[in-house]
Amino acid sequence: MPSVKQLRPFALATLEAFLDASGPVVLVQQPPEPVFQQVAMRLGEARTVGMAHRTRLVDRLLVMLRGFDALEVHFLRPEKDGQEITVGRIEGCTLVVPDPSVSKHHATLRWNAEAHDCSVRDVGSMNGTWVNAQALGPEQERMLNDGDALAFGDAQFLYLRTETLHAHLRMASPGRG
């Protein structure tokens, strides 16, 4: 998983080249704590740990933004309308999130080619799926917008269109001119 800092040199590429290499949307995440990754790996197929700390969601997102260079970028590369991206803690999910508060299969993102964005649906997770600090109901699907805060249990992400990430990288890249 590349960090924002590692991607900065690629900001000098054209937007079209960056999109071709990256896909249309990304999830940006603060790297998980190693101890949580270890617990998540030990859990394997076992039940999710109930530990979501949703009251700190906004504070944690502000901390994430202050350390933008260290954030990890997960490229989502849907190829056709309606394609689903599974999110969960175990291998076999499209996006593996090694956090003990994330269920084995936690949520599904669905690509909407016309809107050029994804929707998200919680699939009965223990610790919930959250969009901009609002919980999704069971099996409720919600369209995501560029810049939305997205949480699967305690795992916090920013949902961005790749164009937005490219623009942020270009603004802070040395040698841009």
C-alpha atoms as a PDB file:
ATOM      1  CA  MET A   1       0.000   0.000   0.000  1.00  0.00           C
ATOM      2  CA  PRO A   2       1.666   3.261  -1.042  1.00  0.00           C
ATOM      3  CA  SER A   3       1.594   6.288   1.202  1.00  0.00           C
ATOM      4  CA  VAL A   4       0.599   9.743   0.008  1.00  0.00           C
ATOM      5  CA  LYS A   5       4.262  10.747   0.319  1.00  0.00           C
ATOM      6  CA  GLN A   6       5.350   7.862  -1.936  1.00  0.00           C
ATOM      7  CA  LEU A   7       2.798   8.951  -4.560  1.00  0.00           C
ATOM      8  CA  ARG A   8       3.903  12.599  -4.676  1.00  0.00           C
ATOM      9  CA  PRO A   9       6.419  12.077  -7.562  1.00  0.00           C
ATOM     10  CA  PHE A  10       3.592  10.650  -9.680  1.00  0.00           C
ATOM     11  CA  ALA A  11       1.653  13.900  -9.354  1.00  0.00           C
ATOM     12  CA  LEU A  12       3.819  15.293 -12.126  1.00  0.00           C
ATOM     13  CA  ALA A  13       2.131  12.864 -14.525  1.00  0.00           C
ATOM     14  CA  THR A  14      -0.882  14.069 -16.430  1.00  0.00           C
ATOM     15  CA  LEU A  15      -4.258  13.477 -14.842  1.00  0.00           C
ATOM     16  CA  GLU A  16      -5.109  10.993 -17.612  1.00  0.00           C
ATOM     17  CA  ALA A  17      -1.955   8.939 -16.950  1.00  0.00           C
ATOM     18  CA  PHE A  18      -2.572   9.046 -13.179  1.00  0.00           C
ATOM     19  CA  LEU A  19      -6.182   7.875 -13.676  1.00  0.00           C
ATOM     20  CA  ASP A  20      -5.082   5.075 -16.017  1.00  0.00           C
ATOM     21  CA  ALA A  21      -2.614   3.831 -13.411  1.00  0.00           C
ATOM     22  CA  SER A  22      -4.837   4.332 -10.369  1.00  0.00           C
ATOM     23  CA  GLY A  23      -8.494   3.786 -11.216  1.00  0.00           C
ATOM     24  CA  PRO A  24     -11.371   6.200 -10.636  1.00  0.00           C
ATOM     25  CA  VAL A  25     -11.624   6.282  -6.820  1.00  0.00           C
ATOM     26  CA  VAL A  26      -9.426   5.713  -3.773  1.00  0.00           C
ATOM     27  CA  LEU A  27      -9.775   5.150  -0.049  1.00  0.00           C
ATOM     28  CA  VAL A  28      -7.168   6.958   2.041  1.00  0.00           C
ATOM     29  CA  GLN A  29      -6.435   5.542   5.499  1.00  0.00           C
ATOM     30  CA  GLN A  30      -4.230   6.196   8.476  1.00  0.00           C
ATOM     31  CA  PRO A  31      -1.981   3.110   8.708  1.00  0.00           C
ATOM     32  CA  PRO A  32      -3.403   0.691  11.285  1.00  0.00           C
ATOM     33  CA  GLU A  33      -1.545   0.204  14.545  1.00  0.00           C
ATOM     34  CA  PRO A  34       0.654  -2.925  14.373  1.00  0.00           C
ATOM     35  CA  VAL A  35      -0.902  -4.341  17.552  1.00  0.00           C
ATOM     36  CA  PHE A  36      -4.396  -4.121  16.001  1.00  0.00           C
ATOM     37  CA  GLN A  37      -3.128  -5.769  12.828  1.00  0.00           C
ATOM     38  CA  GLN A  38      -1.726  -8.643  14.894  1.00  0.00           C
ATOM     39  CA  VAL A  39      -4.988  -9.091  16.799  1.00  0.00           C
ATOM     40  CA  ALA A  40      -6.956  -9.024  13.539  1.00  0.00           C
ATOM     41  CA  MET A  41      -4.693 -11.683  12.011  1.00  0.00           C
ATOM     42  CA  ARG A  42      -5.045 -13.911  15.090  1.00  0.00           C
ATOM     43  CA  LEU A  43      -8.828 -13.596  14.913  1.00  0.00           C
ATOM     44  CA  GLY A  44      -8.876 -15.022  11.401  1.00  0.00           C
ATOM     45  CA  GLU A  45     -12.334 -16.519  10.908  1.00  0.00           C
ATOM     46  CA  ALA A  46     -13.347 -15.887  14.549  1.00  0.00           C
ATOM     47  CA  ARG A  47     -16.003 -13.386  15.550  1.00  0.00           C
ATOM     48  CA  THR A  48     -15.263  -9.670  15.275  1.00  0.00           C
ATOM     49  CA  VAL A  49     -14.187  -7.874  18.435  1.00  0.00           C
ATOM     50  CA  GLY A  50     -16.817  -5.355  19.561  1.00  0.00           C
ATOM     51  CA  MET A  51     -14.731  -2.259  20.068  1.00  0.00           C
ATOM     52  CA  ALA A  52     -15.811   0.581  17.801  1.00  0.00           C
ATOM     53  CA  HIS A  53     -15.128   4.036  19.273  1.00  0.00           C
ATOM     54  CA  ARG A  54     -17.458   6.093  17.144  1.00  0.00           C
ATOM     55  CA  THR A  55     -17.500   9.062  19.508  1.00  0.00           C
ATOM     56  CA  ARG A  56     -13.937   9.890  18.442  1.00  0.00           C
ATOM     57  CA  LEU A  57     -14.653   9.701  14.705  1.00  0.00           C
ATOM     58  CA  VAL A  58     -14.377  13.415  13.910  1.00  0.00           C
ATOM     59  CA  ASP A  59     -11.272  13.893  16.090  1.00  0.00           C
ATOM     60  CA  ARG A  60      -9.563  10.930  14.442  1.00  0.00           C
ATOM     61  CA  LEU A  61     -10.290  12.249  10.961  1.00  0.00           C
ATOM     62  CA  LEU A  62      -8.751  15.611  11.852  1.00  0.00           C
ATOM     63  CA  VAL A  63      -5.622  13.825  13.094  1.00  0.00           C
ATOM     64  CA  MET A  64      -5.533  11.872   9.820  1.00  0.00           C
ATOM     65  CA  LEU A  65      -5.596  15.042   7.735  1.00  0.00           C
ATOM     66  CA  ARG A  66      -2.735  16.612   9.716  1.00  0.00           C
ATOM     67  CA  GLY A  67      -0.527  13.642   8.815  1.00  0.00           C
ATOM     68  CA  PHE A  68      -1.671  13.450   5.181  1.00  0.00           C
ATOM     69  CA  ASP A  69       1.734  12.348   3.825  1.00  0.00           C
ATOM     70  CA  ALA A  70       1.747   9.211   6.004  1.00  0.00           C
ATOM     71  CA  LEU A  71      -1.735   8.069   4.956  1.00  0.00           C
ATOM     72  CA  GLU A  72      -2.044   4.873   2.939  1.00  0.00           C
ATOM     73  CA  VAL A  73      -3.853   4.914  -0.393  1.00  0.00           C
ATOM     74  CA  HIS A  74      -6.063   2.001  -1.433  1.00  0.00           C
ATOM     75  CA  PHE A  75      -6.755   2.167  -5.170  1.00  0.00           C
ATOM     76  CA  LEU A  76     -10.200   0.911  -6.172  1.00  0.00           C
ATOM     77  CA  ARG A  77     -10.329  -0.146  -9.800  1.00  0.00           C
ATOM     78  CA  PRO A  78     -13.894  -1.001 -10.745  1.00  0.00           C
ATOM     79  CA  GLU A  79     -14.172  -1.844 -14.425  1.00  0.00           C
ATOM     80  CA  LYS A  80     -17.911  -2.066 -15.049  1.00  0.00           C
ATOM     81  CA  ASP A  81     -21.128  -0.573 -13.755  1.00  0.00           C
ATOM     82  CA  GLY A  82     -22.480  -2.414 -10.717  1.00  0.00           C
ATOM     83  CA  GLN A  83     -19.181  -4.094  -9.885  1.00  0.00           C
ATOM     84  CA  GLU A  84     -18.928  -4.871  -6.161  1.00  0.00           C
ATOM     85  CA  ILE A  85     -15.880  -4.373  -3.974  1.00  0.00           C
ATOM     86  CA  THR A  86     -16.071  -6.408  -0.774  1.00  0.00           C
ATOM     87  CA  VAL A  87     -14.581  -4.966   2.403  1.00  0.00           C
ATOM     88  CA  GLY A  88     -13.619  -7.125   5.356  1.00  0.00           C
ATOM     89  CA  ARG A  89     -10.964  -8.499   7.635  1.00  0.00           C
ATOM     90  CA  ILE A  90     -10.251 -11.814   5.869  1.00  0.00           C
ATOM     91  CA  GLU A  91      -8.447 -12.728   2.684  1.00  0.00           C
ATOM     92  CA  GLY A  92     -10.855 -13.114  -0.170  1.00  0.00           C
ATOM     93  CA  CYS A  93     -12.299  -9.641   0.325  1.00  0.00           C
ATOM     94  CA  THR A  94     -11.370  -7.156  -2.375  1.00  0.00           C
ATOM     95  CA  LEU A  95     -10.205  -4.691   0.289  1.00  0.00           C
ATOM     96  CA  VAL A  96      -8.714  -6.413   3.348  1.00  0.00           C
ATOM     97  CA  VAL A  97      -8.797  -4.196   6.451  1.00  0.00           C
ATOM     98  CA  PRO A  98      -6.688  -5.767   9.230  1.00  0.00           C
ATOM     99  CA  ASP A  99      -8.529  -4.279  12.201  1.00  0.00           C
ATOM    100  CA  PRO A 100     -10.244  -6.378  14.914  1.00  0.00           C
ATOM    101  CA  SER A 101     -13.337  -4.130  14.807  1.00  0.00           C
ATOM    102  CA  VAL A 102     -13.874  -5.007  11.134  1.00  0.00           C
ATOM    103  CA  SER A 103     -16.054  -8.038  10.442  1.00  0.00           C
ATOM    104  CA  LYS A 104     -14.934 -10.925   8.236  1.00  0.00           C
ATOM    105  CA  HIS A 105     -17.161  -9.492   5.485  1.00  0.00           C
ATOM    106  CA  HIS A 106     -18.103  -6.040   6.709  1.00  0.00           C
ATOM    107  CA  ALA A 107     -19.462  -4.013   3.798  1.00  0.00           C
ATOM    108  CA  THR A 108     -19.787  -3.809   0.042  1.00  0.00           C
ATOM    109  CA  LEU A 109     -18.962  -0.893  -2.223  1.00  0.00           C
ATOM    110  CA  ARG A 110     -20.797  -0.839  -5.563  1.00  0.00           C
ATOM    111  CA  TRP A 111     -19.495   1.137  -8.553  1.00  0.00           C
ATOM    112  CA  ASN A 112     -21.981   3.446 -10.261  1.00  0.00           C
ATOM    113  CA  ALA A 113     -20.404   4.322 -13.616  1.00  0.00           C
ATOM    114  CA  GLU A 114     -22.942   7.054 -14.415  1.00  0.00           C
ATOM    115  CA  ALA A 115     -22.364   8.904 -11.123  1.00  0.00           C
ATOM    116  CA  HIS A 116     -18.634   8.074 -11.242  1.00  0.00           C
ATOM    117  CA  ASP A 117     -18.828   7.177  -7.546  1.00  0.00           C
ATOM    118  CA  CYS A 118     -19.493   4.186  -5.313  1.00  0.00           C
ATOM    119  CA  SER A 119     -22.302   3.395  -2.950  1.00  0.00           C
ATOM    120  CA  VAL A 120     -21.666   1.567   0.329  1.00  0.00           C
ATOM    121  CA  ARG A 121     -23.798  -1.034   2.119  1.00  0.00           C
ATOM    122  CA  ASP A 122     -23.180  -2.597   5.513  1.00  0.00           C
ATOM    123  CA  VAL A 123     -23.718  -6.356   5.331  1.00  0.00           C
ATOM    124  CA  GLY A 124     -24.589  -7.029   8.971  1.00  0.00           C
ATOM    125  CA  SER A 125     -21.287  -6.113  10.598  1.00  0.00           C
ATOM    126  CA  MET A 126     -20.919  -6.075  14.372  1.00  0.00           C
ATOM    127  CA  ASN A 127     -19.455  -2.558  14.643  1.00  0.00           C
ATOM    128  CA  GLY A 128     -21.259  -0.831  11.811  1.00  0.00           C
ATOM    129  CA  THR A 129     -20.431   1.188   8.736  1.00  0.00           C
ATOM    130  CA  TRP A 130     -20.427   4.960   9.041  1.00  0.00           C
ATOM    131  CA  VAL A 131     -20.563   7.751   6.459  1.00  0.00           C
ATOM    132  CA  ASN A 132     -19.707  11.223   7.777  1.00  0.00           C
ATOM    133  CA  ALA A 133     -20.283   9.972  11.353  1.00  0.00           C
ATOM    134  CA  GLN A 134     -23.800   8.697  10.522  1.00  0.00           C
ATOM    135  CA  ALA A 135     -24.453   4.982  10.902  1.00  0.00           C
ATOM    136  CA  LEU A 136     -25.883   3.043   8.001  1.00  0.00           C
ATOM    137  CA  GLY A 137     -28.859   0.903   8.896  1.00  0.00           C
ATOM    138  CA  PRO A 138     -28.813  -2.830   8.251  1.00  0.00           C
ATOM    139  CA  GLU A 139     -28.610  -3.454   4.513  1.00  0.00           C
ATOM    140  CA  GLN A 140     -29.027   0.315   3.851  1.00  0.00           C
ATOM    141  CA  GLU A 141     -27.111   1.500   0.793  1.00  0.00           C
ATOM    142  CA  ARG A 142     -25.829   5.055   0.508  1.00  0.00           C
ATOM    143  CA  MET A 143     -24.098   6.866  -2.332  1.00  0.00           C
ATOM    144  CA  LEU A 144     -20.645   8.220  -1.460  1.00  0.00           C
ATOM    145  CA  ASN A 145     -19.437  11.655  -2.494  1.00  0.00           C
ATOM    146  CA  ASP A 146     -15.914  12.905  -3.035  1.00  0.00           C
ATOM    147  CA  GLY A 147     -14.407  13.730   0.378  1.00  0.00           C
ATOM    148  CA  ASP A 148     -16.776  11.629   2.497  1.00  0.00           C
ATOM    149  CA  ALA A 149     -15.481  10.165   5.753  1.00  0.00           C
ATOM    150  CA  LEU A 150     -16.071   6.419   5.737  1.00  0.00           C
ATOM    151  CA  ALA A 151     -15.598   4.036   8.675  1.00  0.00           C
ATOM    152  CA  PHE A 152     -15.817   0.277   8.937  1.00  0.00           C
ATOM    153  CA  GLY A 153     -15.877  -0.257  12.710  1.00  0.00           C
ATOM    154  CA  ASP A 154     -12.835   1.662  13.943  1.00  0.00           C
ATOM    155  CA  ALA A 155     -11.048   1.692  10.578  1.00  0.00           C
ATOM    156  CA  GLN A 156     -11.254   5.249   9.248  1.00  0.00           C
ATOM    157  CA  PHE A 157     -11.017   6.238   5.576  1.00  0.00           C
ATOM    158  CA  LEU A 158     -11.478   9.228   3.319  1.00  0.00           C
ATOM    159  CA  TYR A 159     -13.286   8.422   0.081  1.00  0.00           C
ATOM    160  CA  LEU A 160     -11.810  10.435  -2.789  1.00  0.00           C
ATOM    161  CA  ARG A 161     -12.092  10.583  -6.520  1.00  0.00           C
ATOM    162  CA  THR A 162      -8.677  10.029  -8.017  1.00  0.00           C
ATOM    163  CA  GLU A 163      -8.808  13.498  -9.601  1.00  0.00           C
ATOM    164  CA  THR A 164      -9.041  15.003  -6.117  1.00  0.00           C
ATOM    165  CA  LEU A 165      -6.072  12.993  -4.847  1.00  0.00           C
ATOM    166  CA  HIS A 166      -4.056  14.007  -7.934  1.00  0.00           C
ATOM    167  CA  ALA A 167      -4.870  17.687  -7.338  1.00  0.00           C
ATOM    168  CA  HIS A 168      -3.809  17.464  -3.663  1.00  0.00           C
ATOM    169  CA  LEU A 169      -0.574  15.724  -4.640  1.00  0.00           C
ATOM    170  CA  ARG A 170       0.194  18.377  -7.286  1.00  0.00           C
ATOM    171  CA  MET A 171      -0.410  21.266  -4.857  1.00  0.00           C
ATOM    172  CA  ALA A 172       2.281  20.031  -2.482  1.00  0.00           C
ATOM    173  CA  SER A 173       4.737  18.451  -4.927  1.00  0.00           C
ATOM    174  CA  PRO A 174       8.224  19.909  -5.142  1.00  0.00           C
ATOM    175  CA  GLY A 175       9.246  21.020  -8.610  1.00  0.00           C
ATOM    176  CA  ARG A 176       5.760  21.775  -9.822  1.00  0.00           C
ATOM    177  CA  GLY A 177       5.755  24.778 -11.823  1.00  0.00           C
END
